[in-house]
Amino acid sequence: MKYKVHWIIDGMMEVEASSKEDAENILRENLEEYVKNSDQLMNKFIAKSIQGTGYAAGTEEVKDDQKSDDKKNT
């Protein structure tokens, strides 16, 4: 029996840009180029969409980053 599997890849990247929209566009353009040039992503995994949103780092994210750094240093 064949099954369809909906998959999502989650990631985060820091982008130097003049605005949230510019940062989103920079990342979108880079990802689109990468996916379009990847035979496996286009034809085996049938990549259909890229979705993301930008935001400025907030206090919760800074706290999470510090916890992550603390774990790396132990």
Protein backbone atom coordinates (compact mmCIF):
# COMPACT_ATOMS: atom_id res chain seq x y z
CA MET A 1 0.00 0.00 0.00
CA LYS A 2 1.27 3.51 -0.79
CA TYR A 3 1.04 6.34 1.70
CA LYS A 4 1.53 10.05 1.19
CA VAL A 5 3.68 11.76 3.79
CA HIS A 6 3.52 15.53 4.30
CA TRP A 7 6.92 16.69 5.52
CA ILE A 8 8.17 19.97 6.91
CA ILE A 9 11.74 21.14 7.48
CA ASP A 10 12.06 23.67 10.27
CA GLY A 11 15.05 25.95 10.61
CA MET A 12 16.22 29.35 11.74
CA MET A 13 18.86 31.67 10.34
CA GLU A 14 20.09 35.11 11.32
CA VAL A 15 20.05 37.52 8.38
CA GLU A 16 21.56 41.00 8.27
CA ALA A 17 18.96 43.22 6.54
CA SER A 18 17.42 46.67 6.70
CA SER A 19 13.93 45.34 7.54
CA LYS A 20 12.01 42.20 8.42
CA GLU A 21 10.66 42.04 4.87
CA ASP A 22 14.15 42.34 3.38
CA ALA A 23 15.40 39.55 5.66
CA GLU A 24 12.48 37.32 4.63
CA ASN A 25 13.13 38.03 0.94
CA ILE A 26 16.86 37.31 1.22
CA LEU A 27 16.21 33.94 2.83
CA ARG A 28 13.30 33.08 0.49
CA GLU A 29 15.38 33.82 -2.60
CA ASN A 30 18.29 31.72 -1.32
CA LEU A 31 16.07 28.79 -0.38
CA GLU A 32 14.13 28.91 -3.64
CA GLU A 33 17.36 28.83 -5.64
CA TYR A 34 18.68 25.92 -3.56
CA VAL A 35 15.47 23.89 -3.88
CA LYS A 36 15.08 24.54 -7.62
CA ASN A 37 18.68 23.37 -8.18
CA SER A 38 18.23 20.22 -6.10
CA ASP A 39 17.04 17.33 -8.23
CA GLN A 40 16.16 15.28 -5.14
CA LEU A 41 14.13 18.03 -3.48
CA MET A 42 12.25 18.82 -6.67
CA ASN A 43 11.71 15.31 -8.03
CA LYS A 44 12.07 12.80 -5.20
CA PHE A 45 10.74 14.74 -2.24
CA ILE A 46 8.47 16.92 -4.41
CA ALA A 47 9.12 20.19 -2.58
CA LYS A 48 6.05 22.40 -3.07
CA SER A 49 6.40 25.48 -0.90
CA ILE A 50 8.63 27.56 1.30
CA GLN A 51 7.14 29.45 4.19
CA GLY A 52 8.68 31.63 6.84
CA THR A 53 8.41 34.81 8.83
CA GLY A 54 11.02 37.15 10.23
CA TYR A 55 11.15 38.77 13.64
CA ALA A 56 13.55 40.65 15.84
CA ALA A 57 15.15 38.65 18.62
CA GLY A 58 13.17 39.04 21.82
CA THR A 59 14.02 38.41 25.43
CA GLU A 60 12.69 34.83 25.39
CA GLU A 61 14.86 33.96 22.39
CA VAL A 62 17.91 35.48 24.06
CA LYS A 63 17.23 33.39 27.19
CA ASP A 64 16.87 30.23 25.06
CA ASP A 65 20.13 31.00 23.24
CA GLN A 66 21.94 31.45 26.57
CA LYS A 67 20.61 28.10 27.83
CA SER A 68 21.79 26.45 24.62
CA ASP A 69 25.25 28.04 24.96
CA ASP A 70 25.43 26.91 28.61
CA LYS A 71 24.72 23.30 27.57
CA LYS A 72 27.43 23.47 24.89
CA ASN A 73 29.99 24.68 27.43
CA THR A 74 29.35 21.88 29.95
